[in-house]
Amino acid sequence: MHVALADSAKPLDPLELASHGPVIPVIVIERAEHAVPMARALFEGGIRVLEVTLRTPAALAAIAAIAQSVPDAIVGAGTVRSGADARAALAAGARFAVSPGWSPRVAAACREIGLALLPGVATASEVMLATEEGFRFLKFFPAVAAGGTAMLKAWGSVFADVAFCPTGGITAASAPDYLALANVKVVGGSWLTPPDALAAADWPRVERLAREAASLKAK
């Protein structure tokens, strides 16, 4: 099945995602009705790019609600593991997709439907495979478990033409260490939307965490 791009959503250059601030929140949402107030809190806190992971039944409905009600935000789908995931995400209103690892099938599906992809890599071999397909902005996941800043420093000279978004185990305290690296353009983090804050609908806390994240700078 071919899914056409919405007229109002031109394809993004994936690297554009890094131009809107230092952190992309990695969101696991359990209740679709929380999507809009959460997105508004993040946006008011200075976070424009939102990654809603496809890890819960509420994810696609949440993406659709954000796309419709918070149009100034750039909402995308994370944990995209198949072409079907990519097509469902686009149909819901996602502007980009993030995959946990490198998959040529996911890459091909995203190209076919015009959906920007930030593919995941954890090894030098995967970086090479992704760059052979033309990708120069990659998600490094799981960042801490896969070598953290030491790995990214080692890749700096070998893959001088590649930029990374490290995600996985990064905190507000460690984010500046990653942002200080020349090959890191933005980091992904789940600390902006803690499960307890979402469960309690504590949007002022989410906005505060977003504001703090938006002000992060490299050490």
N, C-alpha and C. Protein backbone atom coordinates (compact mmCIF):
# COMPACT_ATOMS: atom_id res chain seq x y z
N MET A 1 0.84 -1.20 0.00
CA MET A 1 0.00 0.00 0.00
C MET A 1 0.87 1.23 0.00
N HIS A 2 0.61 2.16 -0.87
CA HIS A 2 1.36 3.41 -0.92
C HIS A 2 0.61 4.48 -0.16
N VAL A 3 1.32 5.17 0.72
CA VAL A 3 0.73 6.25 1.49
C VAL A 3 1.30 7.55 0.98
N ALA A 4 0.44 8.44 0.55
CA ALA A 4 0.90 9.71 0.02
C ALA A 4 1.18 10.69 1.14
N LEU A 5 2.14 11.57 0.91
CA LEU A 5 2.41 12.62 1.87
C LEU A 5 1.26 13.62 1.92
N ALA A 6 0.97 14.08 3.13
CA ALA A 6 -0.01 15.15 3.26
C ALA A 6 0.53 16.40 2.57
N ASP A 7 -0.35 17.15 1.94
CA ASP A 7 0.07 18.34 1.19
C ASP A 7 0.81 19.34 2.06
N SER A 8 0.40 19.43 3.37
CA SER A 8 0.96 20.44 4.26
C SER A 8 2.26 20.00 4.89
N ALA A 9 2.71 18.77 4.62
CA ALA A 9 3.88 18.26 5.30
C ALA A 9 4.94 17.86 4.29
N LYS A 10 5.76 18.81 3.88
CA LYS A 10 6.82 18.48 2.94
C LYS A 10 7.88 17.65 3.66
N PRO A 11 8.58 16.80 2.93
CA PRO A 11 9.59 15.96 3.57
C PRO A 11 10.68 16.80 4.24
N LEU A 12 11.09 16.38 5.40
CA LEU A 12 12.16 17.05 6.11
C LEU A 12 13.52 16.51 5.69
N ASP A 13 14.52 17.34 5.78
CA ASP A 13 15.89 16.86 5.81
C ASP A 13 16.10 16.40 7.25
N PRO A 14 16.46 15.13 7.49
CA PRO A 14 16.58 14.67 8.88
C PRO A 14 17.45 15.56 9.76
N LEU A 15 18.52 16.14 9.18
CA LEU A 15 19.39 16.98 9.98
C LEU A 15 18.68 18.23 10.48
N GLU A 16 17.58 18.59 9.82
CA GLU A 16 16.80 19.74 10.29
C GLU A 16 16.28 19.51 11.71
N LEU A 17 16.08 18.26 12.08
CA LEU A 17 15.59 17.95 13.41
C LEU A 17 16.53 18.47 14.49
N ALA A 18 17.80 18.55 14.17
CA ALA A 18 18.80 19.00 15.13
C ALA A 18 18.88 20.51 15.24
N SER A 19 18.17 21.23 14.39
CA SER A 19 18.29 22.69 14.35
C SER A 19 17.34 23.40 15.30
N HIS A 20 16.50 22.63 15.99
CA HIS A 20 15.47 23.25 16.83
C HIS A 20 15.75 23.18 18.32
N GLY A 21 16.95 22.77 18.69
CA GLY A 21 17.28 22.71 20.10
C GLY A 21 18.15 21.51 20.42
N PRO A 22 18.71 21.45 21.62
CA PRO A 22 19.70 20.43 21.94
C PRO A 22 19.15 19.05 22.30
N VAL A 23 17.84 18.97 22.56
CA VAL A 23 17.27 17.70 23.03
C VAL A 23 15.99 17.36 22.28
N ILE A 24 15.88 16.09 21.87
CA ILE A 24 14.62 15.56 21.35
C ILE A 24 14.07 14.61 22.40
N PRO A 25 12.89 14.89 22.95
CA PRO A 25 12.34 13.98 23.96
C PRO A 25 11.91 12.66 23.34
N VAL A 26 12.24 11.59 24.02
CA VAL A 26 11.84 10.24 23.61
C VAL A 26 10.65 9.87 24.50
N ILE A 27 9.46 9.86 23.91
CA ILE A 27 8.22 9.82 24.68
C ILE A 27 7.55 8.46 24.61
N VAL A 28 7.27 7.91 25.77
CA VAL A 28 6.46 6.69 25.86
C VAL A 28 5.14 7.09 26.51
N ILE A 29 4.07 7.11 25.73
CA ILE A 29 2.79 7.61 26.24
C ILE A 29 1.77 6.48 26.33
N GLU A 30 1.13 6.40 27.48
CA GLU A 30 0.17 5.34 27.74
C GLU A 30 -1.27 5.75 27.46
N ARG A 31 -1.55 7.05 27.54
CA ARG A 31 -2.93 7.53 27.38
C ARG A 31 -2.96 8.62 26.31
N ALA A 32 -3.71 8.36 25.25
CA ALA A 32 -3.75 9.30 24.13
C ALA A 32 -4.26 10.67 24.54
N GLU A 33 -5.14 10.71 25.55
CA GLU A 33 -5.68 12.00 25.97
C GLU A 33 -4.63 12.90 26.62
N HIS A 34 -3.50 12.33 26.98
CA HIS A 34 -2.41 13.13 27.54
C HIS A 34 -1.55 13.77 26.45
N ALA A 35 -1.71 13.35 25.22
CA ALA A 35 -0.79 13.75 24.16
C ALA A 35 -0.76 15.26 23.95
N VAL A 36 -1.92 15.88 23.81
CA VAL A 36 -1.96 17.30 23.48
C VAL A 36 -1.46 18.18 24.64
N PRO A 37 -1.96 17.99 25.87
CA PRO A 37 -1.40 18.83 26.95
C PRO A 37 0.08 18.60 27.18
N MET A 38 0.55 17.35 27.00
CA MET A 38 1.98 17.08 27.12
C MET A 38 2.77 17.81 26.05
N ALA A 39 2.29 17.72 24.80
CA ALA A 39 2.99 18.38 23.70
C ALA A 39 3.01 19.89 23.89
N ARG A 40 1.91 20.45 24.37
CA ARG A 40 1.87 21.89 24.60
C ARG A 40 2.85 22.29 25.70
N ALA A 41 2.95 21.47 26.74
CA ALA A 41 3.90 21.77 27.82
C ALA A 41 5.33 21.73 27.31
N LEU A 42 5.65 20.71 26.51
CA LEU A 42 6.98 20.62 25.93
C LEU A 42 7.27 21.81 25.02
N PHE A 43 6.30 22.16 24.19
CA PHE A 43 6.49 23.26 23.25
C PHE A 43 6.66 24.58 23.99
N GLU A 44 5.85 24.80 25.01
CA GLU A 44 5.96 26.04 25.79
C GLU A 44 7.30 26.10 26.52
N GLY A 45 7.87 24.93 26.82
CA GLY A 45 9.17 24.89 27.45
C GLY A 45 10.32 25.05 26.48
N GLY A 46 10.02 25.15 25.19
CA GLY A 46 11.06 25.40 24.21
C GLY A 46 11.48 24.20 23.40
N ILE A 47 10.74 23.09 23.53
CA ILE A 47 11.06 21.87 22.78
C ILE A 47 10.10 21.77 21.60
N ARG A 48 10.64 21.77 20.40
CA ARG A 48 9.78 21.77 19.22
C ARG A 48 9.65 20.39 18.58
N VAL A 49 10.71 19.58 18.64
CA VAL A 49 10.71 18.26 17.99
C VAL A 49 10.36 17.20 19.02
N LEU A 50 9.33 16.40 18.74
CA LEU A 50 8.83 15.40 19.68
C LEU A 50 8.85 14.02 19.04
N GLU A 51 9.50 13.07 19.68
CA GLU A 51 9.52 11.69 19.20
C GLU A 51 8.62 10.84 20.08
N VAL A 52 7.50 10.40 19.54
CA VAL A 52 6.57 9.52 20.25
C VAL A 52 6.87 8.09 19.83
N THR A 53 7.33 7.27 20.75
CA THR A 53 7.73 5.92 20.40
C THR A 53 6.52 5.01 20.20
N LEU A 54 6.65 4.11 19.24
CA LEU A 54 5.56 3.17 18.95
C LEU A 54 5.66 1.95 19.87
N ARG A 55 5.67 2.21 21.17
CA ARG A 55 5.82 1.15 22.16
C ARG A 55 4.54 0.87 22.92
N THR A 56 3.52 1.68 22.68
CA THR A 56 2.25 1.50 23.39
C THR A 56 1.10 1.58 22.40
N PRO A 57 -0.06 1.02 22.75
CA PRO A 57 -1.22 1.10 21.88
C PRO A 57 -1.70 2.53 21.63
N ALA A 58 -1.33 3.44 22.52
CA ALA A 58 -1.80 4.83 22.39
C ALA A 58 -0.94 5.67 21.47
N ALA A 59 0.19 5.13 21.00
CA ALA A 59 1.18 5.96 20.31
C ALA A 59 0.65 6.62 19.04
N LEU A 60 0.03 5.85 18.17
CA LEU A 60 -0.42 6.43 16.89
C LEU A 60 -1.51 7.47 17.10
N ALA A 61 -2.42 7.20 18.03
CA ALA A 61 -3.46 8.19 18.33
C ALA A 61 -2.83 9.45 18.93
N ALA A 62 -1.79 9.28 19.72
CA ALA A 62 -1.11 10.43 20.31
C ALA A 62 -0.44 11.27 19.22
N ILE A 63 0.21 10.61 18.28
CA ILE A 63 0.85 11.33 17.16
C ILE A 63 -0.20 12.10 16.38
N ALA A 64 -1.32 11.46 16.10
CA ALA A 64 -2.39 12.12 15.34
C ALA A 64 -2.92 13.34 16.08
N ALA A 65 -3.11 13.21 17.38
CA ALA A 65 -3.64 14.32 18.17
C ALA A 65 -2.67 15.49 18.20
N ILE A 66 -1.38 15.19 18.37
CA ILE A 66 -0.38 16.26 18.39
C ILE A 66 -0.29 16.94 17.04
N ALA A 67 -0.27 16.15 15.97
CA ALA A 67 -0.17 16.72 14.63
C ALA A 67 -1.33 17.66 14.34
N GLN A 68 -2.50 17.33 14.83
CA GLN A 68 -3.68 18.14 14.56
C GLN A 68 -3.78 19.36 15.48
N SER A 69 -3.48 19.16 16.76
CA SER A 69 -3.75 20.21 17.75
C SER A 69 -2.55 21.06 18.13
N VAL A 70 -1.34 20.57 17.85
CA VAL A 70 -0.13 21.36 18.13
C VAL A 70 0.70 21.40 16.84
N PRO A 71 0.17 22.04 15.80
CA PRO A 71 0.80 21.96 14.47
C PRO A 71 2.18 22.59 14.39
N ASP A 72 2.52 23.49 15.32
CA ASP A 72 3.85 24.10 15.29
C ASP A 72 4.93 23.15 15.80
N ALA A 73 4.53 22.10 16.48
CA ALA A 73 5.49 21.08 16.90
C ALA A 73 5.78 20.16 15.71
N ILE A 74 6.98 19.59 15.70
CA ILE A 74 7.35 18.60 14.68
C ILE A 74 7.31 17.25 15.35
N VAL A 75 6.24 16.51 15.10
CA VAL A 75 6.06 15.22 15.78
C VAL A 75 6.50 14.09 14.87
N GLY A 76 7.20 13.13 15.46
CA GLY A 76 7.64 11.97 14.72
C GLY A 76 7.39 10.70 15.50
N ALA A 77 7.68 9.58 14.88
CA ALA A 77 7.46 8.27 15.50
C ALA A 77 8.80 7.61 15.77
N GLY A 78 8.98 7.12 16.98
CA GLY A 78 10.16 6.36 17.33
C GLY A 78 9.85 4.88 17.37
N THR A 79 10.88 4.07 17.53
CA THR A 79 10.76 2.61 17.56
C THR A 79 10.06 2.10 16.29
N VAL A 80 10.42 2.68 15.17
CA VAL A 80 9.89 2.24 13.87
C VAL A 80 10.73 1.05 13.41
N ARG A 81 10.11 -0.11 13.34
CA ARG A 81 10.85 -1.35 13.08
C ARG A 81 10.47 -2.02 11.76
N SER A 82 9.53 -1.46 11.03
CA SER A 82 9.09 -2.09 9.79
C SER A 82 8.51 -1.04 8.85
N GLY A 83 8.32 -1.45 7.60
CA GLY A 83 7.66 -0.57 6.66
C GLY A 83 6.24 -0.26 7.08
N ALA A 84 5.57 -1.24 7.67
CA ALA A 84 4.20 -1.03 8.14
C ALA A 84 4.17 0.03 9.24
N ASP A 85 5.16 -0.01 10.14
CA ASP A 85 5.25 1.03 11.17
C ASP A 85 5.40 2.40 10.54
N ALA A 86 6.27 2.50 9.54
CA ALA A 86 6.51 3.78 8.89
C ALA A 86 5.25 4.31 8.22
N ARG A 87 4.53 3.43 7.52
CA ARG A 87 3.30 3.86 6.84
C ARG A 87 2.23 4.29 7.84
N ALA A 88 2.11 3.54 8.93
CA ALA A 88 1.12 3.90 9.96
C ALA A 88 1.48 5.23 10.61
N ALA A 89 2.77 5.46 10.84
CA ALA A 89 3.21 6.71 11.44
C ALA A 89 2.91 7.89 10.53
N LEU A 90 3.20 7.75 9.24
CA LEU A 90 2.92 8.82 8.30
C LEU A 90 1.42 9.10 8.22
N ALA A 91 0.63 8.04 8.17
CA ALA A 91 -0.82 8.22 8.10
C ALA A 91 -1.36 8.94 9.34
N ALA A 92 -0.68 8.75 10.47
CA ALA A 92 -1.12 9.41 11.71
C ALA A 92 -0.70 10.87 11.76
N GLY A 93 0.25 11.26 10.92
CA GLY A 93 0.70 12.65 10.90
C GLY A 93 2.14 12.85 11.27
N ALA A 94 2.91 11.77 11.42
CA ALA A 94 4.32 11.90 11.77
C ALA A 94 5.09 12.58 10.65
N ARG A 95 6.03 13.44 11.04
CA ARG A 95 6.87 14.14 10.07
C ARG A 95 8.21 13.42 9.88
N PHE A 96 8.55 12.53 10.80
CA PHE A 96 9.80 11.79 10.69
C PHE A 96 9.67 10.47 11.44
N ALA A 97 10.60 9.57 11.16
CA ALA A 97 10.64 8.27 11.82
C ALA A 97 12.03 8.06 12.41
N VAL A 98 12.08 7.34 13.52
CA VAL A 98 13.34 6.98 14.16
C VAL A 98 13.33 5.47 14.36
N SER A 99 14.36 4.79 13.88
CA SER A 99 14.43 3.35 14.06
C SER A 99 15.48 3.01 15.11
N PRO A 100 15.27 1.94 15.89
CA PRO A 100 16.25 1.59 16.92
C PRO A 100 17.54 1.01 16.36
N GLY A 101 17.50 0.50 15.15
CA GLY A 101 18.68 -0.07 14.51
C GLY A 101 18.62 0.17 13.01
N TRP A 102 19.64 -0.31 12.32
CA TRP A 102 19.69 -0.13 10.87
C TRP A 102 18.91 -1.24 10.17
N SER A 103 17.96 -0.85 9.30
CA SER A 103 17.19 -1.79 8.50
C SER A 103 17.03 -1.24 7.10
N PRO A 104 17.59 -1.91 6.09
CA PRO A 104 17.41 -1.42 4.71
C PRO A 104 15.95 -1.41 4.29
N ARG A 105 15.15 -2.31 4.84
CA ARG A 105 13.72 -2.32 4.48
C ARG A 105 13.00 -1.11 5.04
N VAL A 106 13.31 -0.75 6.27
CA VAL A 106 12.70 0.47 6.84
C VAL A 106 13.17 1.69 6.05
N ALA A 107 14.45 1.73 5.72
CA ALA A 107 14.98 2.86 4.95
C ALA A 107 14.28 2.97 3.60
N ALA A 108 14.09 1.84 2.94
CA ALA A 108 13.43 1.85 1.63
C ALA A 108 11.98 2.29 1.75
N ALA A 109 11.30 1.81 2.78
CA ALA A 109 9.89 2.18 2.97
C ALA A 109 9.76 3.68 3.22
N CYS A 110 10.64 4.23 4.04
CA CYS A 110 10.57 5.67 4.32
C CYS A 110 10.86 6.49 3.08
N ARG A 111 11.81 6.03 2.26
CA ARG A 111 12.08 6.73 1.01
C ARG A 111 10.86 6.69 0.10
N GLU A 112 10.23 5.55 0.03
CA GLU A 112 9.07 5.38 -0.86
C GLU A 112 7.95 6.33 -0.51
N ILE A 113 7.71 6.53 0.78
CA ILE A 113 6.57 7.36 1.19
C ILE A 113 6.98 8.79 1.52
N GLY A 114 8.28 9.10 1.41
CA GLY A 114 8.72 10.47 1.66
C GLY A 114 8.77 10.85 3.11
N LEU A 115 9.08 9.90 3.98
CA LEU A 115 9.15 10.16 5.41
C LEU A 115 10.61 10.23 5.84
N ALA A 116 11.02 11.33 6.44
CA ALA A 116 12.39 11.48 6.91
C ALA A 116 12.70 10.39 7.93
N LEU A 117 13.91 9.85 7.84
CA LEU A 117 14.30 8.75 8.73
C LEU A 117 15.60 9.09 9.44
N LEU A 118 15.61 8.89 10.75
CA LEU A 118 16.81 8.93 11.56
C LEU A 118 17.08 7.49 11.99
N PRO A 119 17.94 6.77 11.26
CA PRO A 119 18.15 5.36 11.55
C PRO A 119 19.12 5.14 12.70
N GLY A 120 18.89 4.08 13.45
CA GLY A 120 19.75 3.77 14.58
C GLY A 120 20.94 2.93 14.19
N VAL A 121 22.07 3.19 14.88
CA VAL A 121 23.29 2.39 14.70
C VAL A 121 23.94 2.21 16.07
N ALA A 122 24.68 1.11 16.20
CA ALA A 122 25.41 0.87 17.44
C ALA A 122 26.84 0.42 17.19
N THR A 123 27.18 0.15 15.93
CA THR A 123 28.52 -0.33 15.59
C THR A 123 29.04 0.41 14.36
N ALA A 124 30.36 0.32 14.17
CA ALA A 124 30.97 0.94 12.99
C ALA A 124 30.44 0.31 11.71
N SER A 125 30.19 -0.99 11.73
CA SER A 125 29.65 -1.66 10.54
C SER A 125 28.29 -1.11 10.16
N GLU A 126 27.45 -0.84 11.17
CA GLU A 126 26.12 -0.29 10.89
C GLU A 126 26.23 1.15 10.38
N VAL A 127 27.18 1.91 10.91
CA VAL A 127 27.40 3.26 10.38
C VAL A 127 27.75 3.18 8.90
N MET A 128 28.62 2.25 8.55
CA MET A 128 29.02 2.10 7.15
C MET A 128 27.85 1.70 6.27
N LEU A 129 27.02 0.78 6.74
CA LEU A 129 25.85 0.36 5.96
C LEU A 129 24.90 1.54 5.75
N ALA A 130 24.67 2.32 6.79
CA ALA A 130 23.75 3.45 6.67
C ALA A 130 24.31 4.52 5.74
N THR A 131 25.60 4.80 5.85
CA THR A 131 26.17 5.83 4.98
C THR A 131 26.23 5.38 3.53
N GLU A 132 26.37 4.08 3.31
CA GLU A 132 26.33 3.58 1.93
C GLU A 132 24.97 3.85 1.29
N GLU A 133 23.93 3.97 2.13
CA GLU A 133 22.59 4.27 1.63
C GLU A 133 22.30 5.77 1.62
N GLY A 134 23.32 6.57 1.92
CA GLY A 134 23.16 8.02 1.82
C GLY A 134 22.81 8.74 3.10
N PHE A 135 22.75 8.03 4.22
CA PHE A 135 22.40 8.67 5.50
C PHE A 135 23.66 9.23 6.14
N ARG A 136 23.58 10.49 6.57
CA ARG A 136 24.71 11.15 7.22
C ARG A 136 24.35 11.68 8.60
N PHE A 137 23.12 11.47 9.04
CA PHE A 137 22.68 11.84 10.39
C PHE A 137 22.04 10.61 10.99
N LEU A 138 22.66 10.07 12.04
CA LEU A 138 22.28 8.77 12.58
C LEU A 138 22.00 8.84 14.07
N LYS A 139 21.10 7.99 14.51
CA LYS A 139 20.85 7.82 15.94
C LYS A 139 21.86 6.81 16.48
N PHE A 140 22.57 7.16 17.55
CA PHE A 140 23.49 6.23 18.21
C PHE A 140 22.75 5.64 19.40
N PHE A 141 22.40 4.35 19.30
CA PHE A 141 21.55 3.73 20.31
C PHE A 141 21.95 2.28 20.52
N PRO A 142 21.93 1.80 21.77
CA PRO A 142 21.75 2.54 23.03
C PRO A 142 23.06 3.21 23.43
N ALA A 143 23.07 4.51 23.50
CA ALA A 143 24.31 5.27 23.58
C ALA A 143 25.21 4.85 24.73
N VAL A 144 24.69 4.84 25.94
CA VAL A 144 25.53 4.53 27.09
C VAL A 144 26.02 3.10 27.03
N ALA A 145 25.13 2.17 26.75
CA ALA A 145 25.49 0.75 26.71
C ALA A 145 26.44 0.44 25.56
N ALA A 146 26.38 1.22 24.48
CA ALA A 146 27.19 0.94 23.29
C ALA A 146 28.53 1.66 23.28
N GLY A 147 28.86 2.34 24.36
CA GLY A 147 30.18 2.97 24.42
C GLY A 147 30.20 4.45 24.74
N GLY A 148 29.03 5.08 24.74
CA GLY A 148 28.92 6.47 25.16
C GLY A 148 29.79 7.45 24.41
N THR A 149 30.29 8.44 25.16
CA THR A 149 31.09 9.49 24.52
C THR A 149 32.41 8.94 23.98
N ALA A 150 32.94 7.90 24.62
CA ALA A 150 34.20 7.33 24.14
C ALA A 150 34.05 6.76 22.74
N MET A 151 32.93 6.10 22.50
CA MET A 151 32.69 5.54 21.17
C MET A 151 32.52 6.66 20.14
N LEU A 152 31.78 7.67 20.49
CA LEU A 152 31.56 8.77 19.56
C LEU A 152 32.86 9.51 19.25
N LYS A 153 33.72 9.66 20.25
CA LYS A 153 35.02 10.28 20.00
C LYS A 153 35.84 9.43 19.04
N ALA A 154 35.81 8.11 19.23
CA ALA A 154 36.56 7.21 18.35
C ALA A 154 36.05 7.28 16.92
N TRP A 155 34.75 7.49 16.76
CA TRP A 155 34.18 7.58 15.42
C TRP A 155 34.43 8.94 14.77
N GLY A 156 34.81 9.94 15.56
CA GLY A 156 34.90 11.30 15.06
C GLY A 156 35.77 11.46 13.83
N SER A 157 36.95 10.84 13.84
CA SER A 157 37.86 11.00 12.70
C SER A 157 37.56 9.99 11.60
N VAL A 158 37.09 8.80 12.00
CA VAL A 158 36.81 7.75 11.01
C VAL A 158 35.59 8.11 10.17
N PHE A 159 34.58 8.65 10.83
CA PHE A 159 33.33 9.04 10.15
C PHE A 159 33.16 10.55 10.29
N ALA A 160 34.12 11.29 9.76
CA ALA A 160 34.11 12.74 9.93
C ALA A 160 32.93 13.42 9.25
N ASP A 161 32.30 12.73 8.31
CA ASP A 161 31.18 13.32 7.57
C ASP A 161 29.83 12.90 8.13
N VAL A 162 29.82 12.27 9.30
CA VAL A 162 28.58 11.76 9.89
C VAL A 162 28.28 12.47 11.20
N ALA A 163 27.02 12.86 11.40
CA ALA A 163 26.56 13.46 12.65
C ALA A 163 25.67 12.47 13.38
N PHE A 164 25.61 12.60 14.69
CA PHE A 164 24.88 11.64 15.50
C PHE A 164 23.91 12.30 16.48
N CYS A 165 22.85 11.55 16.77
CA CYS A 165 21.92 11.87 17.86
C CYS A 165 21.99 10.71 18.84
N PRO A 166 22.84 10.79 19.88
CA PRO A 166 22.91 9.71 20.84
C PRO A 166 21.65 9.66 21.71
N THR A 167 21.16 8.46 21.92
CA THR A 167 19.94 8.23 22.70
C THR A 167 20.10 6.92 23.46
N GLY A 168 19.59 6.90 24.68
CA GLY A 168 19.62 5.66 25.45
C GLY A 168 20.52 5.78 26.66
N GLY A 169 19.92 6.09 27.81
CA GLY A 169 20.67 6.22 29.05
C GLY A 169 21.21 7.60 29.31
N ILE A 170 20.92 8.55 28.44
CA ILE A 170 21.41 9.92 28.62
C ILE A 170 20.49 10.66 29.59
N THR A 171 21.08 11.48 30.45
CA THR A 171 20.34 12.24 31.44
C THR A 171 20.62 13.73 31.26
N ALA A 172 19.89 14.53 32.01
CA ALA A 172 20.14 15.97 31.97
C ALA A 172 21.57 16.28 32.40
N ALA A 173 22.11 15.47 33.31
CA ALA A 173 23.47 15.71 33.80
C ALA A 173 24.53 15.31 32.77
N SER A 174 24.30 14.22 32.04
CA SER A 174 25.30 13.74 31.09
C SER A 174 25.15 14.34 29.69
N ALA A 175 24.00 14.90 29.38
CA ALA A 175 23.76 15.44 28.03
C ALA A 175 24.81 16.45 27.59
N PRO A 176 25.26 17.38 28.46
CA PRO A 176 26.27 18.34 28.00
C PRO A 176 27.58 17.69 27.55
N ASP A 177 27.94 16.54 28.14
CA ASP A 177 29.16 15.84 27.71
C ASP A 177 29.03 15.37 26.27
N TYR A 178 27.84 14.91 25.90
CA TYR A 178 27.60 14.48 24.52
C TYR A 178 27.54 15.68 23.58
N LEU A 179 26.85 16.72 24.02
CA LEU A 179 26.69 17.90 23.17
C LEU A 179 28.01 18.62 22.92
N ALA A 180 29.01 18.34 23.75
CA ALA A 180 30.32 18.96 23.56
C ALA A 180 31.10 18.33 22.41
N LEU A 181 30.65 17.18 21.94
CA LEU A 181 31.36 16.48 20.86
C LEU A 181 31.00 17.10 19.51
N ALA A 182 31.99 17.22 18.64
CA ALA A 182 31.79 17.87 17.35
C ALA A 182 30.81 17.09 16.47
N ASN A 183 30.74 15.78 16.63
CA ASN A 183 29.87 14.98 15.77
C ASN A 183 28.49 14.72 16.36
N VAL A 184 28.17 15.39 17.46
CA VAL A 184 26.84 15.27 18.07
C VAL A 184 26.09 16.58 17.84
N LYS A 185 24.93 16.49 17.19
CA LYS A 185 24.14 17.68 16.89
C LYS A 185 22.99 17.88 17.87
N VAL A 186 22.51 16.79 18.47
CA VAL A 186 21.37 16.83 19.38
C VAL A 186 21.37 15.50 20.12
N VAL A 187 20.77 15.46 21.30
CA VAL A 187 20.65 14.20 22.02
C VAL A 187 19.18 13.86 22.20
N GLY A 188 18.91 12.57 22.37
CA GLY A 188 17.55 12.13 22.68
C GLY A 188 17.47 11.71 24.12
N GLY A 189 16.36 12.03 24.78
CA GLY A 189 16.26 11.68 26.19
C GLY A 189 14.83 11.49 26.64
N SER A 190 14.65 10.56 27.56
CA SER A 190 13.32 10.28 28.09
C SER A 190 13.04 11.04 29.38
N TRP A 191 14.04 11.76 29.90
CA TRP A 191 13.85 12.39 31.20
C TRP A 191 12.88 13.57 31.15
N LEU A 192 12.56 14.08 29.96
CA LEU A 192 11.65 15.22 29.87
C LEU A 192 10.20 14.83 30.16
N THR A 193 9.88 13.55 29.95
CA THR A 193 8.50 13.09 30.15
C THR A 193 8.49 11.87 31.06
N PRO A 194 8.81 12.05 32.34
CA PRO A 194 8.85 10.92 33.27
C PRO A 194 7.48 10.24 33.37
N PRO A 195 7.43 8.92 33.46
CA PRO A 195 6.15 8.22 33.55
C PRO A 195 5.25 8.73 34.66
N ASP A 196 5.84 9.06 35.82
CA ASP A 196 4.99 9.52 36.92
C ASP A 196 4.39 10.89 36.64
N ALA A 197 5.13 11.75 35.92
CA ALA A 197 4.59 13.06 35.58
C ALA A 197 3.45 12.93 34.59
N LEU A 198 3.60 12.02 33.60
CA LEU A 198 2.52 11.81 32.63
C LEU A 198 1.31 11.19 33.31
N ALA A 199 1.53 10.22 34.17
CA ALA A 199 0.42 9.56 34.85
C ALA A 199 -0.37 10.54 35.71
N ALA A 200 0.32 11.50 36.31
CA ALA A 200 -0.33 12.49 37.17
C ALA A 200 -0.80 13.72 36.41
N ALA A 201 -0.57 13.74 35.09
CA ALA A 201 -0.89 14.91 34.27
C ALA A 201 -0.25 16.17 34.84
N ASP A 202 1.00 16.04 35.27
CA ASP A 202 1.73 17.15 35.86
C ASP A 202 2.44 17.93 34.76
N TRP A 203 1.66 18.71 34.03
CA TRP A 203 2.20 19.44 32.88
C TRP A 203 3.15 20.56 33.26
N PRO A 204 2.95 21.25 34.40
CA PRO A 204 3.95 22.25 34.80
C PRO A 204 5.35 21.63 35.00
N ARG A 205 5.40 20.40 35.53
CA ARG A 205 6.70 19.74 35.69
C ARG A 205 7.32 19.42 34.34
N VAL A 206 6.48 18.94 33.41
CA VAL A 206 6.99 18.64 32.07
C VAL A 206 7.51 19.90 31.40
N GLU A 207 6.80 21.01 31.54
CA GLU A 207 7.26 22.27 30.96
C GLU A 207 8.57 22.71 31.59
N ARG A 208 8.70 22.54 32.90
CA ARG A 208 9.94 22.93 33.57
C ARG A 208 11.12 22.08 33.07
N LEU A 209 10.90 20.77 32.96
CA LEU A 209 11.96 19.89 32.46
C LEU A 209 12.32 20.24 31.02
N ALA A 210 11.31 20.60 30.23
CA ALA A 210 11.57 21.00 28.85
C ALA A 210 12.38 22.28 28.80
N ARG A 211 12.03 23.23 29.64
CA ARG A 211 12.75 24.51 29.64
C ARG A 211 14.22 24.30 30.03
N GLU A 212 14.43 23.42 31.02
CA GLU A 212 15.81 23.14 31.43
C GLU A 212 16.57 22.44 30.29
N ALA A 213 15.90 21.52 29.62
CA ALA A 213 16.55 20.79 28.52
C ALA A 213 16.86 21.74 27.36
N ALA A 214 15.94 22.63 27.06
CA ALA A 214 16.14 23.55 25.94
C ALA A 214 17.30 24.50 26.18
N SER A 215 17.68 24.69 27.43
CA SER A 215 18.76 25.62 27.75
C SER A 215 20.10 24.93 27.90
N LEU A 216 20.15 23.59 27.71
CA LEU A 216 21.40 22.86 27.85
C LEU A 216 22.42 23.31 26.81
N LYS A 217 23.65 23.34 27.25
CA LYS A 217 24.75 23.70 26.35
C LYS A 217 25.89 22.72 26.57
N ALA A 218 26.76 22.63 25.59
CA ALA A 218 27.93 21.77 25.72
C ALA A 218 28.83 22.26 26.84
N LYS A 219 29.48 21.32 27.50
CA LYS A 219 30.43 21.69 28.57
C LYS A 219 31.69 22.30 27.94
